[in-house]
PDB file of N, CA and C in Angstrom:
ATOM      1  N   MET A   1      -7.225 -31.943   4.633  1.00  0.00           N
ATOM      2  CA  MET A   1      -5.877 -31.570   4.110  1.00  0.00           C
ATOM      3  C   MET A   1      -5.711 -31.014   2.733  1.00  0.00           C
ATOM      4  N   GLU A   2      -6.811 -31.124   1.975  1.00  0.00           N
ATOM      5  CA  GLU A   2      -6.899 -30.267   0.788  1.00  0.00           C
ATOM      6  C   GLU A   2      -7.178 -28.982   0.943  1.00  0.00           C
ATOM      7  N   ALA A   3      -7.929 -28.680   1.992  1.00  0.00           N
ATOM      8  CA  ALA A   3      -8.220 -27.021   2.399  1.00  0.00           C
ATOM      9  C   ALA A   3      -6.950 -26.351   2.796  1.00  0.00           C
ATOM     10  N   ILE A   4      -6.081 -27.205   3.698  1.00  0.00           N
ATOM     11  CA  ILE A   4      -4.769 -26.676   3.854  1.00  0.00           C
ATOM     12  C   ILE A   4      -3.974 -26.349   2.740  1.00  0.00           C
ATOM     13  N   THR A   5      -3.867 -27.221   1.986  1.00  0.00           N
ATOM     14  CA  THR A   5      -3.070 -27.122   0.746  1.00  0.00           C
ATOM     15  C   THR A   5      -3.631 -25.778  -0.191  1.00  0.00           C
ATOM     16  N   ASN A   6      -4.819 -25.836  -0.388  1.00  0.00           N
ATOM     17  CA  ASN A   6      -5.446 -24.676  -1.157  1.00  0.00           C
ATOM     18  C   ASN A   6      -4.957 -23.473  -0.414  1.00  0.00           C
ATOM     19  N   ALA A   7      -5.244 -23.310   0.907  1.00  0.00           N
ATOM     20  CA  ALA A   7      -4.908 -22.198   1.607  1.00  0.00           C
ATOM     21  C   ALA A   7      -3.467 -21.624   1.652  1.00  0.00           C
ATOM     22  N   ALA A   8      -2.607 -22.721   1.729  1.00  0.00           N
ATOM     23  CA  ALA A   8      -1.211 -22.368   1.516  1.00  0.00           C
ATOM     24  C   ALA A   8      -0.863 -21.957   0.154  1.00  0.00           C
ATOM     25  N   ASP A   9      -1.541 -22.518  -0.773  1.00  0.00           N
ATOM     26  CA  ASP A   9      -1.088 -22.008  -2.245  1.00  0.00           C
ATOM     27  C   ASP A   9      -1.742 -20.622  -2.515  1.00  0.00           C
ATOM     28  N   SER A  10      -2.951 -20.290  -1.991  1.00  0.00           N
ATOM     29  CA  SER A  10      -3.379 -18.981  -1.892  1.00  0.00           C
ATOM     30  C   SER A  10      -2.542 -17.902  -1.263  1.00  0.00           C
ATOM     31  N   VAL A  11      -1.781 -18.312  -0.176  1.00  0.00           N
ATOM     32  CA  VAL A  11      -0.915 -17.302   0.629  1.00  0.00           C
ATOM     33  C   VAL A  11       0.262 -17.201  -0.399  1.00  0.00           C
ATOM     34  N   VAL A  12       0.845 -18.152  -0.963  1.00  0.00           N
ATOM     35  CA  VAL A  12       1.919 -18.199  -1.726  1.00  0.00           C
ATOM     36  C   VAL A  12       1.752 -17.249  -2.843  1.00  0.00           C
ATOM     37  N   HIS A  13       0.711 -17.572  -3.537  1.00  0.00           N
ATOM     38  CA  HIS A  13       0.239 -16.713  -4.825  1.00  0.00           C
ATOM     39  C   HIS A  13       0.058 -15.191  -4.276  1.00  0.00           C
ATOM     40  N   PHE A  14      -0.686 -14.965  -3.134  1.00  0.00           N
ATOM     41  CA  PHE A  14      -0.888 -13.498  -2.665  1.00  0.00           C
ATOM     42  C   PHE A  14       0.461 -12.749  -2.433  1.00  0.00           C
ATOM     43  N   MET A  15       1.389 -13.530  -1.712  1.00  0.00           N
ATOM     44  CA  MET A  15       2.722 -12.992  -1.533  1.00  0.00           C
ATOM     45  C   MET A  15       3.526 -12.830  -2.835  1.00  0.00           C
ATOM     46  N   GLY A  16       3.512 -13.610  -3.792  1.00  0.00           N
ATOM     47  CA  GLY A  16       4.152 -13.347  -5.073  1.00  0.00           C
ATOM     48  C   GLY A  16       3.511 -12.082  -5.701  1.00  0.00           C
ATOM     49  N   LYS A  17       2.155 -11.944  -5.613  1.00  0.00           N
ATOM     50  CA  LYS A  17       1.831 -10.630  -6.256  1.00  0.00           C
ATOM     51  C   LYS A  17       2.244  -9.442  -5.568  1.00  0.00           C
ATOM     52  N   VAL A  18       2.099  -9.369  -4.192  1.00  0.00           N
ATOM     53  CA  VAL A  18       2.882  -8.438  -3.444  1.00  0.00           C
ATOM     54  C   VAL A  18       4.171  -8.119  -3.741  1.00  0.00           C
ATOM     55  N   PHE A  19       4.986  -9.173  -3.883  1.00  0.00           N
ATOM     56  CA  PHE A  19       6.386  -8.861  -3.918  1.00  0.00           C
ATOM     57  C   PHE A  19       6.380  -8.348  -5.349  1.00  0.00           C
ATOM     58  N   GLU A  20       5.592  -8.586  -6.466  1.00  0.00           N
ATOM     59  CA  GLU A  20       5.712  -8.221  -7.662  1.00  0.00           C
ATOM     60  C   GLU A  20       5.556  -6.857  -8.010  1.00  0.00           C
ATOM     61  N   ILE A  21       4.406  -6.629  -7.073  1.00  0.00           N
ATOM     62  CA  ILE A  21       4.064  -5.085  -7.063  1.00  0.00           C
ATOM     63  C   ILE A  21       4.997  -4.119  -6.365  1.00  0.00           C
ATOM     64  N   MET A  22       5.612  -4.792  -5.188  1.00  0.00           N
ATOM     65  CA  MET A  22       6.568  -3.856  -4.480  1.00  0.00           C
ATOM     66  C   MET A  22       7.957  -3.800  -5.346  1.00  0.00           C
ATOM     67  N   THR A  23       8.523  -4.704  -6.192  1.00  0.00           N
ATOM     68  CA  THR A  23       9.783  -4.513  -6.924  1.00  0.00           C
ATOM     69  C   THR A  23       9.167  -3.690  -8.294  1.00  0.00           C
ATOM     70  N   GLY A  24       8.116  -3.689  -8.560  1.00  0.00           N
ATOM     71  CA  GLY A  24       7.834  -2.847  -9.672  1.00  0.00           C
ATOM     72  C   GLY A  24       7.610  -1.404  -9.563  1.00  0.00           C
ATOM     73  N   ASN A  25       7.622  -1.109  -8.381  1.00  0.00           N
ATOM     74  CA  ASN A  25       7.557   0.366  -8.047  1.00  0.00           C
ATOM     75  C   ASN A  25       8.991   0.756  -7.259  1.00  0.00           C
ATOM     76  N   ALA A  26       9.574   1.978  -7.807  1.00  0.00           N
ATOM     77  CA  ALA A  26      10.936   2.333  -7.430  1.00  0.00           C
ATOM     78  C   ALA A  26      10.946   2.580  -5.880  1.00  0.00           C
ATOM     79  N   TYR A  27       9.867   3.219  -5.491  1.00  0.00           N
ATOM     80  CA  TYR A  27       9.767   3.556  -4.041  1.00  0.00           C
ATOM     81  C   TYR A  27       9.633   2.460  -3.135  1.00  0.00           C
ATOM     82  N   PHE A  28       8.761   1.450  -3.531  1.00  0.00           N
ATOM     83  CA  PHE A  28       8.638   0.302  -2.647  1.00  0.00           C
ATOM     84  C   PHE A  28       9.827  -0.552  -2.876  1.00  0.00           C
ATOM     85  N   ALA A  29      10.369  -0.753  -3.904  1.00  0.00           N
ATOM     86  CA  ALA A  29      11.689  -1.586  -4.036  1.00  0.00           C
ATOM     87  C   ALA A  29      12.721  -0.970  -3.077  1.00  0.00           C
ATOM     88  N   THR A  30      12.893   0.162  -2.947  1.00  0.00           N
ATOM     89  CA  THR A  30      13.789   0.991  -2.232  1.00  0.00           C
ATOM     90  C   THR A  30      13.443   0.464  -0.536  1.00  0.00           C
ATOM     91  N   LEU A  31      12.348   0.760  -0.257  1.00  0.00           N
ATOM     92  CA  LEU A  31      11.913   0.382   1.095  1.00  0.00           C
ATOM     93  C   LEU A  31      12.173  -1.077   1.354  1.00  0.00           C
ATOM     94  N   LEU A  32      11.930  -2.088   0.413  1.00  0.00           N
ATOM     95  CA  LEU A  32      12.205  -3.407   0.706  1.00  0.00           C
ATOM     96  C   LEU A  32      13.640  -3.658   0.702  1.00  0.00           C
ATOM     97  N   ALA A  33      14.457  -2.887  -0.169  1.00  0.00           N
ATOM     98  CA  ALA A  33      16.083  -3.131   0.235  1.00  0.00           C
ATOM     99  C   ALA A  33      16.405  -2.660   1.532  1.00  0.00           C
ATOM    100  N   VAL A  34      15.876  -1.580   1.947  1.00  0.00           N
ATOM    101  CA  VAL A  34      16.364  -0.869   3.067  1.00  0.00           C
ATOM    102  C   VAL A  34      15.959  -1.911   4.220  1.00  0.00           C
ATOM    103  N   SER A  35      14.858  -2.456   4.162  1.00  0.00           N
ATOM    104  CA  SER A  35      14.357  -3.471   5.237  1.00  0.00           C
ATOM    105  C   SER A  35      15.230  -4.584   5.293  1.00  0.00           C
ATOM    106  N   LEU A  36      15.647  -5.017   4.019  1.00  0.00           N
ATOM    107  CA  LEU A  36      16.241  -6.509   3.937  1.00  0.00           C
ATOM    108  C   LEU A  36      17.726  -6.109   4.432  1.00  0.00           C
ATOM    109  N   ILE A  37      18.371  -4.996   4.278  1.00  0.00           N
ATOM    110  CA  ILE A  37      19.627  -4.697   4.585  1.00  0.00           C
ATOM    111  C   ILE A  37      19.520  -4.537   6.286  1.00  0.00           C
ATOM    112  N   ALA A  38      18.602  -3.880   6.889  1.00  0.00           N
ATOM    113  CA  ALA A  38      18.354  -3.955   8.286  1.00  0.00           C
ATOM    114  C   ALA A  38      18.225  -5.172   8.838  1.00  0.00           C
ATOM    115  N   VAL A  39      17.658  -6.237   8.239  1.00  0.00           N
ATOM    116  CA  VAL A  39      17.533  -7.416   8.849  1.00  0.00           C
ATOM    117  C   VAL A  39      18.831  -8.243   8.718  1.00  0.00           C
ATOM    118  N   GLY A  40      19.532  -7.988   7.592  1.00  0.00           N
ATOM    119  CA  GLY A  40      20.866  -8.642   7.509  1.00  0.00           C
ATOM    120  C   GLY A  40      21.915  -8.066   8.454  1.00  0.00           C
ATOM    121  N   VAL A  41      21.888  -6.867   8.801  1.00  0.00           N
ATOM    122  CA  VAL A  41      22.636  -6.359   9.793  1.00  0.00           C
ATOM    123  C   VAL A  41      22.513  -7.005  11.158  1.00  0.00           C
ATOM    124  N   GLY A  42      21.054  -7.024  11.608  1.00  0.00           N
ATOM    125  CA  GLY A  42      20.619  -7.600  12.691  1.00  0.00           C
ATOM    126  C   GLY A  42      21.203  -9.173  12.991  1.00  0.00           C
ATOM    127  N   VAL A  43      20.814  -9.872  11.936  1.00  0.00           N
ATOM    128  CA  VAL A  43      21.387 -11.130  11.829  1.00  0.00           C
ATOM    129  C   VAL A  43      22.744 -11.280  12.020  1.00  0.00           C
ATOM    130  N   PHE A  44      23.510 -10.645  11.473  1.00  0.00           N
ATOM    131  CA  PHE A  44      25.018 -10.455  11.498  1.00  0.00           C
ATOM    132  C   PHE A  44      25.423 -10.119  12.880  1.00  0.00           C
ATOM    133  N   ALA A  45      25.034  -9.166  13.471  1.00  0.00           N
ATOM    134  CA  ALA A  45      25.037  -8.663  14.732  1.00  0.00           C
ATOM    135  C   ALA A  45      24.621  -9.946  15.917  1.00  0.00           C
ATOM    136  N   MET A  46      23.854 -10.557  15.743  1.00  0.00           N
ATOM    137  CA  MET A  46      23.386 -11.722  16.487  1.00  0.00           C
ATOM    138  C   MET A  46      24.323 -12.818  16.341  1.00  0.00           C
ATOM    139  N   ILE A  47      24.833 -13.133  15.198  1.00  0.00           N
ATOM    140  CA  ILE A  47      25.922 -14.299  14.932  1.00  0.00           C
ATOM    141  C   ILE A  47      27.198 -13.806  15.610  1.00  0.00           C
ATOM    142  N   ARG A  48      27.467 -12.572  15.503  1.00  0.00           N
ATOM    143  CA  ARG A  48      28.863 -11.977  15.755  1.00  0.00           C
ATOM    144  C   ARG A  48      28.788 -12.062  17.435  1.00  0.00           C
ATOM    145  N   ASN A  49      27.574 -11.667  18.016  1.00  0.00           N
ATOM    146  CA  ASN A  49      27.607 -11.679  19.520  1.00  0.00           C
ATOM    147  C   ASN A  49      27.522 -13.079  20.057  1.00  0.00           C
ATOM    148  N   ALA A  50      27.020 -13.972  19.388  1.00  0.00           N
ATOM    149  CA  ALA A  50      26.926 -15.614  19.698  1.00  0.00           C
ATOM    150  C   ALA A  50      28.198 -16.022  19.758  1.00  0.00           C
ATOM    151  N   ALA A  51      29.353 -15.584  18.763  1.00  0.00           N
ATOM    152  CA  ALA A  51      30.550 -16.221  18.887  1.00  0.00           C
ATOM    153  C   ALA A  51      31.408 -15.705  19.865  1.00  0.00           C
ATOM    154  N   ARG A  52      31.003 -14.720  20.739  1.00  0.00           N
ATOM    155  CA  ARG A  52      31.982 -14.357  21.755  1.00  0.00           C
ATOM    156  C   ARG A  52      31.666 -15.236  22.941  1.00  0.00           C
TER     157      ARG A  52
END
């Protein structure tokens, strides 16, 4: 169980560093924003179509 906890902690730490690097660079921050907008539009469309 401890190995799983350590692995999860390592993954969280790694993703935090990746996010820090991406937001520290204007080009990567723009790519991140565009991808998040695309995901948001997709989720909105799925919810809108499910309501019909």
